[in-house]
Amino acid sequence: MSGSRGRRGEDAPADPEAKAREVCLRLLSASPRTRAQLADALRRRDIPDDVAERVLGRFTDVGLIDDQAFAQAWVQSRHTGRGLARRALAAELRRRGVADDTVNDAVESLDPAREEETARALVARRLPATRGADPAKRMRRLVGMLARKGYPPGLSYRVVKEALAEEGADLDSVPAPAEPLD
């Protein structure tokens, strides 16, 4: 068994730049990553900062790292899949180390009409589960669900109120919001 060791890590490249390239390629092959996520991974593996910067710069130059494309894809995917609104999407991107300008560009690409349409679909899907509860409780639950997904209070309240009204719920017992919305 000479020359080939069986345990993981023993065959890792001794050259820090080769190790950095290997780490980045392995992570990128699993899923898209931001530059900040890759930099954190390299830091955790004790890759010197200058080597990490050189490798990350090269990967950016050849298009393997593209935070703008990542942010755009993230916004479309998470909005479509999870129904997240701009505020929640922006928070997720910032947690992944995407620059504020890039985050703003990506969330601004989300059409406000599409965002409202998604909020309506989320409410419609959840509405049947709230039947039997009093209208005020239904309002709180549904508006809360939209708030957790990042929808603004005014939009949330309006969409839920309209859905409850269409269903014939008695909205006289539902108090108006205490603070200004939107």
N, C-alpha and C. Protein backbone atom coordinates (compact mmCIF):
# COMPACT_ATOMS: atom_id res chain seq x y z
N MET A 1 0.80 -1.19 0.00
CA MET A 1 0.00 0.00 0.00
C MET A 1 0.85 1.25 0.00
N SER A 2 2.05 1.17 -0.45
CA SER A 2 2.90 2.35 -0.44
C SER A 2 2.46 3.34 -1.50
N GLY A 3 2.57 4.62 -1.19
CA GLY A 3 2.22 5.69 -2.13
C GLY A 3 0.74 6.05 -2.09
N SER A 4 -0.10 5.13 -1.65
CA SER A 4 -1.53 5.40 -1.61
C SER A 4 -2.04 5.14 -0.20
N ARG A 5 -2.39 6.18 0.48
CA ARG A 5 -2.86 6.03 1.85
C ARG A 5 -4.37 5.97 1.86
N GLY A 6 -4.93 5.16 2.72
CA GLY A 6 -6.36 4.93 2.75
C GLY A 6 -7.14 5.97 3.52
N ARG A 7 -6.53 6.64 4.48
CA ARG A 7 -7.29 7.56 5.33
C ARG A 7 -7.43 8.90 4.66
N ARG A 8 -8.60 9.46 4.81
CA ARG A 8 -8.93 10.76 4.21
C ARG A 8 -7.98 11.84 4.74
N GLY A 9 -7.54 12.71 3.85
CA GLY A 9 -6.74 13.85 4.27
C GLY A 9 -5.25 13.62 4.16
N GLU A 10 -4.81 12.36 4.16
CA GLU A 10 -3.38 12.12 4.10
C GLU A 10 -2.83 12.39 2.71
N ASP A 11 -3.68 12.32 1.68
CA ASP A 11 -3.21 12.57 0.33
C ASP A 11 -3.45 14.02 -0.09
N ALA A 12 -3.89 14.84 0.84
CA ALA A 12 -4.18 16.23 0.52
C ALA A 12 -2.91 16.93 0.05
N PRO A 13 -3.05 17.83 -0.90
CA PRO A 13 -1.87 18.53 -1.44
C PRO A 13 -1.16 19.33 -0.34
N ALA A 14 0.17 19.31 -0.39
CA ALA A 14 0.95 20.06 0.58
C ALA A 14 1.00 21.54 0.21
N ASP A 15 0.88 21.83 -1.06
CA ASP A 15 0.92 23.20 -1.56
C ASP A 15 -0.37 23.92 -1.16
N PRO A 16 -0.30 25.03 -0.39
CA PRO A 16 -1.51 25.70 0.06
C PRO A 16 -2.41 26.18 -1.08
N GLU A 17 -1.82 26.58 -2.20
CA GLU A 17 -2.63 27.04 -3.32
C GLU A 17 -3.40 25.87 -3.94
N ALA A 18 -2.75 24.73 -4.07
CA ALA A 18 -3.42 23.54 -4.60
C ALA A 18 -4.53 23.10 -3.65
N LYS A 19 -4.25 23.17 -2.36
CA LYS A 19 -5.26 22.81 -1.36
C LYS A 19 -6.45 23.76 -1.44
N ALA A 20 -6.19 25.05 -1.60
CA ALA A 20 -7.26 26.04 -1.70
C ALA A 20 -8.12 25.79 -2.94
N ARG A 21 -7.46 25.49 -4.07
CA ARG A 21 -8.21 25.19 -5.30
C ARG A 21 -9.09 23.95 -5.10
N GLU A 22 -8.52 22.93 -4.47
CA GLU A 22 -9.26 21.69 -4.23
C GLU A 22 -10.49 21.94 -3.35
N VAL A 23 -10.31 22.70 -2.27
CA VAL A 23 -11.41 23.02 -1.36
C VAL A 23 -12.52 23.77 -2.11
N CYS A 24 -12.13 24.79 -2.85
CA CYS A 24 -13.12 25.59 -3.59
C CYS A 24 -13.85 24.75 -4.62
N LEU A 25 -13.14 23.97 -5.38
CA LEU A 25 -13.78 23.15 -6.41
C LEU A 25 -14.72 22.12 -5.79
N ARG A 26 -14.33 21.51 -4.68
CA ARG A 26 -15.19 20.53 -4.01
C ARG A 26 -16.47 21.19 -3.53
N LEU A 27 -16.34 22.37 -2.91
CA LEU A 27 -17.52 23.07 -2.41
C LEU A 27 -18.42 23.55 -3.54
N LEU A 28 -17.82 24.06 -4.61
CA LEU A 28 -18.60 24.55 -5.75
C LEU A 28 -19.28 23.41 -6.51
N SER A 29 -18.68 22.23 -6.49
CA SER A 29 -19.32 21.11 -7.19
C SER A 29 -20.55 20.63 -6.43
N ALA A 30 -20.61 20.88 -5.13
CA ALA A 30 -21.77 20.48 -4.33
C ALA A 30 -22.93 21.44 -4.53
N SER A 31 -22.64 22.74 -4.52
CA SER A 31 -23.68 23.76 -4.74
C SER A 31 -23.00 25.11 -4.95
N PRO A 32 -23.72 26.05 -5.57
CA PRO A 32 -23.13 27.39 -5.76
C PRO A 32 -22.82 28.03 -4.40
N ARG A 33 -21.76 28.78 -4.35
CA ARG A 33 -21.34 29.46 -3.11
C ARG A 33 -20.96 30.89 -3.43
N THR A 34 -21.06 31.73 -2.41
CA THR A 34 -20.59 33.09 -2.56
C THR A 34 -19.09 33.14 -2.30
N ARG A 35 -18.50 34.23 -2.72
CA ARG A 35 -17.07 34.42 -2.47
C ARG A 35 -16.79 34.41 -0.96
N ALA A 36 -17.67 35.04 -0.19
CA ALA A 36 -17.49 35.09 1.26
C ALA A 36 -17.58 33.70 1.89
N GLN A 37 -18.50 32.87 1.40
CA GLN A 37 -18.60 31.51 1.93
C GLN A 37 -17.34 30.72 1.65
N LEU A 38 -16.80 30.87 0.45
CA LEU A 38 -15.56 30.16 0.11
C LEU A 38 -14.39 30.69 0.92
N ALA A 39 -14.33 32.00 1.10
CA ALA A 39 -13.25 32.59 1.91
C ALA A 39 -13.31 32.06 3.34
N ASP A 40 -14.53 31.95 3.90
CA ASP A 40 -14.67 31.39 5.26
C ASP A 40 -14.19 29.94 5.32
N ALA A 41 -14.56 29.17 4.30
CA ALA A 41 -14.14 27.77 4.26
C ALA A 41 -12.61 27.66 4.19
N LEU A 42 -11.99 28.52 3.41
CA LEU A 42 -10.53 28.49 3.31
C LEU A 42 -9.88 28.92 4.63
N ARG A 43 -10.46 29.90 5.27
CA ARG A 43 -9.95 30.35 6.57
C ARG A 43 -10.01 29.21 7.60
N ARG A 44 -11.13 28.49 7.60
CA ARG A 44 -11.29 27.37 8.55
C ARG A 44 -10.27 26.26 8.28
N ARG A 45 -9.79 26.18 7.05
CA ARG A 45 -8.81 25.16 6.70
C ARG A 45 -7.37 25.70 6.75
N ASP A 46 -7.23 26.85 7.39
CA ASP A 46 -5.92 27.46 7.63
C ASP A 46 -5.15 27.78 6.35
N ILE A 47 -5.85 28.16 5.32
CA ILE A 47 -5.20 28.62 4.09
C ILE A 47 -4.80 30.08 4.33
N PRO A 48 -3.55 30.44 4.07
CA PRO A 48 -3.13 31.84 4.27
C PRO A 48 -3.99 32.81 3.44
N ASP A 49 -4.25 33.98 4.01
CA ASP A 49 -5.14 34.95 3.37
C ASP A 49 -4.68 35.34 1.97
N ASP A 50 -3.37 35.53 1.77
CA ASP A 50 -2.90 35.93 0.44
C ASP A 50 -3.13 34.83 -0.59
N VAL A 51 -2.96 33.58 -0.19
CA VAL A 51 -3.19 32.45 -1.09
C VAL A 51 -4.69 32.36 -1.40
N ALA A 52 -5.52 32.48 -0.36
CA ALA A 52 -6.97 32.42 -0.54
C ALA A 52 -7.43 33.51 -1.50
N GLU A 53 -6.92 34.70 -1.31
CA GLU A 53 -7.32 35.83 -2.16
C GLU A 53 -6.91 35.59 -3.61
N ARG A 54 -5.74 35.03 -3.82
CA ARG A 54 -5.26 34.75 -5.17
C ARG A 54 -6.16 33.70 -5.84
N VAL A 55 -6.47 32.63 -5.13
CA VAL A 55 -7.32 31.56 -5.69
C VAL A 55 -8.73 32.08 -5.93
N LEU A 56 -9.28 32.79 -4.97
CA LEU A 56 -10.64 33.33 -5.14
C LEU A 56 -10.70 34.33 -6.29
N GLY A 57 -9.65 35.14 -6.43
CA GLY A 57 -9.59 36.08 -7.54
C GLY A 57 -9.56 35.36 -8.89
N ARG A 58 -8.79 34.31 -8.98
CA ARG A 58 -8.70 33.53 -10.22
C ARG A 58 -10.04 32.87 -10.54
N PHE A 59 -10.69 32.29 -9.50
CA PHE A 59 -11.99 31.65 -9.70
C PHE A 59 -13.04 32.68 -10.14
N THR A 60 -12.94 33.90 -9.63
CA THR A 60 -13.86 34.96 -10.03
C THR A 60 -13.60 35.36 -11.48
N ASP A 61 -12.33 35.50 -11.83
CA ASP A 61 -11.95 35.88 -13.19
C ASP A 61 -12.47 34.89 -14.24
N VAL A 62 -12.44 33.60 -13.92
CA VAL A 62 -12.87 32.59 -14.89
C VAL A 62 -14.37 32.28 -14.78
N GLY A 63 -15.05 32.95 -13.84
CA GLY A 63 -16.50 32.81 -13.75
C GLY A 63 -17.01 31.70 -12.86
N LEU A 64 -16.13 31.05 -12.11
CA LEU A 64 -16.58 30.00 -11.19
C LEU A 64 -17.25 30.60 -9.95
N ILE A 65 -16.86 31.82 -9.61
CA ILE A 65 -17.49 32.54 -8.50
C ILE A 65 -18.12 33.79 -9.10
N ASP A 66 -19.42 33.94 -8.91
CA ASP A 66 -20.14 35.10 -9.42
C ASP A 66 -21.25 35.43 -8.44
N ASP A 67 -20.96 36.32 -7.50
CA ASP A 67 -21.93 36.65 -6.45
C ASP A 67 -23.21 37.25 -7.03
N GLN A 68 -23.09 37.99 -8.12
CA GLN A 68 -24.28 38.60 -8.72
C GLN A 68 -25.20 37.52 -9.29
N ALA A 69 -24.65 36.58 -10.01
CA ALA A 69 -25.44 35.48 -10.57
C ALA A 69 -26.01 34.63 -9.43
N PHE A 70 -25.20 34.40 -8.39
CA PHE A 70 -25.67 33.64 -7.23
C PHE A 70 -26.88 34.33 -6.61
N ALA A 71 -26.78 35.64 -6.39
CA ALA A 71 -27.86 36.38 -5.75
C ALA A 71 -29.13 36.36 -6.59
N GLN A 72 -29.00 36.55 -7.90
CA GLN A 72 -30.17 36.51 -8.78
C GLN A 72 -30.85 35.14 -8.73
N ALA A 73 -30.05 34.11 -8.83
CA ALA A 73 -30.60 32.74 -8.80
C ALA A 73 -31.23 32.45 -7.44
N TRP A 74 -30.59 32.90 -6.38
CA TRP A 74 -31.09 32.69 -5.02
C TRP A 74 -32.46 33.35 -4.85
N VAL A 75 -32.58 34.58 -5.30
CA VAL A 75 -33.85 35.32 -5.17
C VAL A 75 -34.96 34.59 -5.92
N GLN A 76 -34.70 34.21 -7.15
CA GLN A 76 -35.73 33.52 -7.94
C GLN A 76 -36.10 32.18 -7.32
N SER A 77 -35.11 31.42 -6.92
CA SER A 77 -35.34 30.09 -6.37
C SER A 77 -36.09 30.15 -5.04
N ARG A 78 -35.64 30.97 -4.13
CA ARG A 78 -36.25 31.03 -2.79
C ARG A 78 -37.62 31.71 -2.82
N HIS A 79 -37.82 32.63 -3.75
CA HIS A 79 -39.14 33.24 -3.86
C HIS A 79 -40.13 32.22 -4.42
N THR A 80 -39.71 31.53 -5.46
CA THR A 80 -40.58 30.54 -6.08
C THR A 80 -40.81 29.34 -5.16
N GLY A 81 -39.76 28.83 -4.59
CA GLY A 81 -39.85 27.61 -3.78
C GLY A 81 -40.41 27.80 -2.39
N ARG A 82 -40.00 28.87 -1.70
CA ARG A 82 -40.41 29.06 -0.31
C ARG A 82 -41.37 30.23 -0.13
N GLY A 83 -41.57 31.02 -1.18
CA GLY A 83 -42.47 32.15 -1.08
C GLY A 83 -41.91 33.31 -0.29
N LEU A 84 -40.59 33.40 -0.19
CA LEU A 84 -39.98 34.47 0.59
C LEU A 84 -40.07 35.81 -0.13
N ALA A 85 -40.28 36.86 0.64
CA ALA A 85 -40.37 38.22 0.10
C ALA A 85 -39.00 38.88 0.12
N ARG A 86 -38.95 40.08 -0.42
CA ARG A 86 -37.69 40.82 -0.56
C ARG A 86 -36.89 40.92 0.73
N ARG A 87 -37.57 41.31 1.82
CA ARG A 87 -36.85 41.52 3.08
C ARG A 87 -36.17 40.24 3.56
N ALA A 88 -36.88 39.12 3.52
CA ALA A 88 -36.30 37.84 3.95
C ALA A 88 -35.18 37.41 3.01
N LEU A 89 -35.38 37.60 1.72
CA LEU A 89 -34.34 37.23 0.74
C LEU A 89 -33.08 38.06 0.95
N ALA A 90 -33.24 39.35 1.19
CA ALA A 90 -32.09 40.21 1.41
C ALA A 90 -31.33 39.77 2.66
N ALA A 91 -32.05 39.43 3.71
CA ALA A 91 -31.39 38.98 4.95
C ALA A 91 -30.61 37.69 4.71
N GLU A 92 -31.19 36.76 3.97
CA GLU A 92 -30.48 35.51 3.69
C GLU A 92 -29.21 35.76 2.88
N LEU A 93 -29.29 36.61 1.88
CA LEU A 93 -28.11 36.89 1.06
C LEU A 93 -27.02 37.57 1.88
N ARG A 94 -27.42 38.50 2.74
CA ARG A 94 -26.42 39.18 3.58
C ARG A 94 -25.74 38.19 4.52
N ARG A 95 -26.50 37.23 5.05
CA ARG A 95 -25.90 36.20 5.92
C ARG A 95 -24.89 35.35 5.15
N ARG A 96 -25.04 35.28 3.86
CA ARG A 96 -24.11 34.50 3.03
C ARG A 96 -22.95 35.35 2.52
N GLY A 97 -22.89 36.59 2.99
CA GLY A 97 -21.74 37.43 2.68
C GLY A 97 -21.83 38.18 1.36
N VAL A 98 -23.01 38.28 0.78
CA VAL A 98 -23.16 39.01 -0.48
C VAL A 98 -23.18 40.51 -0.17
N ALA A 99 -22.49 41.29 -0.97
CA ALA A 99 -22.39 42.74 -0.77
C ALA A 99 -23.76 43.40 -0.90
N ASP A 100 -23.96 44.48 -0.15
CA ASP A 100 -25.24 45.17 -0.11
C ASP A 100 -25.72 45.61 -1.49
N ASP A 101 -24.84 46.14 -2.33
CA ASP A 101 -25.24 46.58 -3.67
C ASP A 101 -25.77 45.40 -4.49
N THR A 102 -25.10 44.28 -4.39
CA THR A 102 -25.51 43.07 -5.12
C THR A 102 -26.84 42.56 -4.59
N VAL A 103 -27.00 42.59 -3.26
CA VAL A 103 -28.26 42.17 -2.63
C VAL A 103 -29.39 43.06 -3.13
N ASN A 104 -29.17 44.37 -3.09
CA ASN A 104 -30.22 45.31 -3.51
C ASN A 104 -30.61 45.10 -4.97
N ASP A 105 -29.63 44.90 -5.84
CA ASP A 105 -29.92 44.66 -7.25
C ASP A 105 -30.75 43.38 -7.42
N ALA A 106 -30.38 42.35 -6.69
CA ALA A 106 -31.07 41.06 -6.83
C ALA A 106 -32.51 41.13 -6.34
N VAL A 107 -32.74 41.74 -5.18
CA VAL A 107 -34.12 41.78 -4.66
C VAL A 107 -34.97 42.77 -5.43
N GLU A 108 -34.35 43.80 -6.01
CA GLU A 108 -35.12 44.74 -6.83
C GLU A 108 -35.59 44.09 -8.13
N SER A 109 -34.94 43.02 -8.53
CA SER A 109 -35.36 42.33 -9.75
C SER A 109 -36.66 41.56 -9.55
N LEU A 110 -37.06 41.39 -8.31
CA LEU A 110 -38.32 40.70 -8.00
C LEU A 110 -39.48 41.66 -8.23
N ASP A 111 -40.34 41.32 -9.14
CA ASP A 111 -41.48 42.15 -9.53
C ASP A 111 -42.47 42.28 -8.36
N PRO A 112 -42.84 43.51 -7.98
CA PRO A 112 -43.80 43.69 -6.88
C PRO A 112 -45.13 42.97 -7.12
N ALA A 113 -45.59 42.93 -8.36
CA ALA A 113 -46.84 42.22 -8.66
C ALA A 113 -46.69 40.72 -8.42
N ARG A 114 -45.52 40.20 -8.77
CA ARG A 114 -45.27 38.77 -8.53
C ARG A 114 -45.19 38.48 -7.03
N GLU A 115 -44.59 39.41 -6.30
CA GLU A 115 -44.48 39.25 -4.85
C GLU A 115 -45.88 39.22 -4.23
N GLU A 116 -46.76 40.11 -4.67
CA GLU A 116 -48.13 40.13 -4.15
C GLU A 116 -48.88 38.86 -4.55
N GLU A 117 -48.67 38.42 -5.77
CA GLU A 117 -49.30 37.19 -6.24
C GLU A 117 -48.87 36.00 -5.38
N THR A 118 -47.60 35.95 -5.04
CA THR A 118 -47.08 34.87 -4.19
C THR A 118 -47.69 34.95 -2.80
N ALA A 119 -47.82 36.16 -2.25
CA ALA A 119 -48.45 36.33 -0.94
C ALA A 119 -49.89 35.81 -0.97
N ARG A 120 -50.60 36.12 -2.02
CA ARG A 120 -51.99 35.65 -2.16
C ARG A 120 -52.04 34.12 -2.23
N ALA A 121 -51.12 33.54 -2.96
CA ALA A 121 -51.08 32.08 -3.08
C ALA A 121 -50.77 31.43 -1.74
N LEU A 122 -49.84 32.01 -0.98
CA LEU A 122 -49.52 31.49 0.35
C LEU A 122 -50.73 31.54 1.27
N VAL A 123 -51.45 32.65 1.23
CA VAL A 123 -52.64 32.80 2.07
C VAL A 123 -53.70 31.80 1.64
N ALA A 124 -53.92 31.67 0.35
CA ALA A 124 -54.93 30.74 -0.15
C ALA A 124 -54.62 29.30 0.27
N ARG A 125 -53.36 28.95 0.27
CA ARG A 125 -52.96 27.60 0.65
C ARG A 125 -53.15 27.37 2.15
N ARG A 126 -52.94 28.38 2.95
CA ARG A 126 -53.02 28.25 4.41
C ARG A 126 -54.42 28.50 4.96
N LEU A 127 -55.24 29.21 4.22
CA LEU A 127 -56.58 29.60 4.67
C LEU A 127 -57.44 28.44 5.16
N PRO A 128 -57.53 27.34 4.43
CA PRO A 128 -58.39 26.25 4.90
C PRO A 128 -58.02 25.71 6.28
N ALA A 129 -56.76 25.73 6.61
CA ALA A 129 -56.31 25.22 7.92
C ALA A 129 -56.76 26.11 9.08
N THR A 130 -57.17 27.33 8.77
CA THR A 130 -57.59 28.24 9.84
C THR A 130 -59.10 28.27 10.02
N ARG A 131 -59.84 27.56 9.18
CA ARG A 131 -61.30 27.56 9.29
C ARG A 131 -61.71 27.04 10.66
N GLY A 132 -62.73 27.65 11.19
CA GLY A 132 -63.21 27.26 12.52
C GLY A 132 -62.71 28.20 13.60
N ALA A 133 -61.60 28.88 13.34
CA ALA A 133 -61.09 29.86 14.31
C ALA A 133 -61.81 31.19 14.07
N ASP A 134 -61.83 32.03 15.10
CA ASP A 134 -62.51 33.32 14.90
C ASP A 134 -61.69 34.18 13.92
N PRO A 135 -62.35 35.10 13.22
CA PRO A 135 -61.67 35.89 12.19
C PRO A 135 -60.44 36.65 12.69
N ALA A 136 -60.47 37.17 13.91
CA ALA A 136 -59.31 37.90 14.42
C ALA A 136 -58.10 36.98 14.57
N LYS A 137 -58.34 35.76 15.05
CA LYS A 137 -57.26 34.79 15.21
C LYS A 137 -56.73 34.37 13.84
N ARG A 138 -57.62 34.17 12.88
CA ARG A 138 -57.21 33.81 11.53
C ARG A 138 -56.36 34.92 10.93
N MET A 139 -56.79 36.15 11.14
CA MET A 139 -56.05 37.31 10.63
C MET A 139 -54.64 37.31 11.21
N ARG A 140 -54.53 37.16 12.53
CA ARG A 140 -53.21 37.16 13.18
C ARG A 140 -52.31 36.05 12.64
N ARG A 141 -52.86 34.86 12.53
CA ARG A 141 -52.06 33.72 12.07
C ARG A 141 -51.56 33.93 10.64
N LEU A 142 -52.46 34.35 9.77
CA LEU A 142 -52.09 34.50 8.36
C LEU A 142 -51.15 35.68 8.13
N VAL A 143 -51.40 36.80 8.80
CA VAL A 143 -50.50 37.95 8.68
C VAL A 143 -49.14 37.59 9.28
N GLY A 144 -49.15 36.86 10.39
CA GLY A 144 -47.89 36.42 11.01
C GLY A 144 -47.08 35.52 10.09
N MET A 145 -47.77 34.61 9.39
CA MET A 145 -47.09 33.72 8.45
C MET A 145 -46.42 34.53 7.34
N LEU A 146 -47.13 35.52 6.82
CA LEU A 146 -46.53 36.36 5.77
C LEU A 146 -45.38 37.21 6.33
N ALA A 147 -45.53 37.70 7.55
CA ALA A 147 -44.46 38.51 8.16
C ALA A 147 -43.18 37.68 8.31
N ARG A 148 -43.33 36.42 8.72
CA ARG A 148 -42.15 35.56 8.88
C ARG A 148 -41.45 35.29 7.54
N LYS A 149 -42.19 35.42 6.46
CA LYS A 149 -41.61 35.24 5.14
C LYS A 149 -41.12 36.55 4.55
N GLY A 150 -41.21 37.64 5.33
CA GLY A 150 -40.62 38.91 4.92
C GLY A 150 -41.55 39.87 4.20
N TYR A 151 -42.84 39.59 4.19
CA TYR A 151 -43.77 40.50 3.50
C TYR A 151 -44.03 41.72 4.37
N PRO A 152 -44.19 42.89 3.74
CA PRO A 152 -44.45 44.12 4.51
C PRO A 152 -45.84 44.05 5.16
N PRO A 153 -45.98 44.70 6.31
CA PRO A 153 -47.25 44.64 7.07
C PRO A 153 -48.47 45.08 6.27
N GLY A 154 -48.37 46.15 5.53
CA GLY A 154 -49.52 46.66 4.77
C GLY A 154 -50.01 45.67 3.73
N LEU A 155 -49.09 45.11 2.99
CA LEU A 155 -49.43 44.12 1.98
C LEU A 155 -50.04 42.89 2.64
N SER A 156 -49.42 42.44 3.72
CA SER A 156 -49.90 41.25 4.43
C SER A 156 -51.33 41.44 4.91
N TYR A 157 -51.58 42.55 5.57
CA TYR A 157 -52.91 42.81 6.12
C TYR A 157 -53.94 42.90 5.00
N ARG A 158 -53.62 43.60 3.93
CA ARG A 158 -54.55 43.78 2.82
C ARG A 158 -54.87 42.44 2.15
N VAL A 159 -53.87 41.63 1.87
CA VAL A 159 -54.06 40.35 1.20
C VAL A 159 -54.90 39.41 2.07
N VAL A 160 -54.60 39.36 3.36
CA VAL A 160 -55.35 38.47 4.26
C VAL A 160 -56.79 38.96 4.41
N LYS A 161 -56.96 40.26 4.56
CA LYS A 161 -58.31 40.82 4.71
C LYS A 161 -59.16 40.50 3.48
N GLU A 162 -58.58 40.66 2.30
CA GLU A 162 -59.31 40.36 1.07
C GLU A 162 -59.66 38.88 0.98
N ALA A 163 -58.73 38.01 1.36
CA ALA A 163 -58.98 36.56 1.29
C ALA A 163 -60.09 36.17 2.27
N LEU A 164 -60.06 36.74 3.47
CA LEU A 164 -61.11 36.44 4.46
C LEU A 164 -62.46 36.99 4.00
N ALA A 165 -62.47 38.17 3.41
CA ALA A 165 -63.71 38.77 2.93
C ALA A 165 -64.31 37.93 1.79
N GLU A 166 -63.46 37.44 0.88
CA GLU A 166 -63.93 36.60 -0.22
C GLU A 166 -64.57 35.32 0.30
N GLU A 167 -64.07 34.86 1.43
CA GLU A 167 -64.58 33.64 2.03
C GLU A 167 -65.88 33.90 2.81
N GLY A 168 -66.18 35.18 3.02
CA GLY A 168 -67.40 35.53 3.73
C GLY A 168 -67.23 35.66 5.23
N ALA A 169 -65.99 35.77 5.69
CA ALA A 169 -65.75 35.91 7.12
C ALA A 169 -66.26 37.26 7.61
N ASP A 170 -66.75 37.29 8.84
CA ASP A 170 -67.23 38.53 9.46
C ASP A 170 -66.03 39.31 9.97
N LEU A 171 -65.67 40.37 9.26
CA LEU A 171 -64.47 41.13 9.59
C LEU A 171 -64.75 42.28 10.56
N ASP A 172 -66.01 42.44 10.99
CA ASP A 172 -66.34 43.51 11.94
C ASP A 172 -65.63 43.30 13.27
N SER A 173 -65.39 42.03 13.63
CA SER A 173 -64.74 41.75 14.90
C SER A 173 -63.22 41.83 14.81
N VAL A 174 -62.70 42.03 13.61
CA VAL A 174 -61.24 42.10 13.43
C VAL A 174 -60.79 43.53 13.62
N PRO A 175 -59.95 43.76 14.65
CA PRO A 175 -59.48 45.13 14.88
C PRO A 175 -58.52 45.58 13.78
N ALA A 176 -58.57 46.86 13.50
CA ALA A 176 -57.64 47.44 12.54
C ALA A 176 -56.25 47.45 13.14
N PRO A 177 -55.23 47.40 12.32
CA PRO A 177 -53.86 47.43 12.85
C PRO A 177 -53.61 48.68 13.68
N ALA A 178 -52.81 48.52 14.74
CA ALA A 178 -52.55 49.61 15.67
C ALA A 178 -51.57 50.63 15.12
N GLU A 179 -50.71 50.21 14.22
CA GLU A 179 -49.69 51.13 13.69
C GLU A 179 -49.85 51.30 12.20
N PRO A 180 -49.31 52.36 11.64
CA PRO A 180 -49.42 52.56 10.19
C PRO A 180 -48.73 51.44 9.44
N LEU A 181 -49.33 51.01 8.35
CA LEU A 181 -48.78 49.91 7.56
C LEU A 181 -48.14 50.46 6.29
N ASP A 182 -47.02 49.91 5.94
CA ASP A 182 -46.22 50.30 4.76
C ASP A 182 -45.77 51.67 4.89
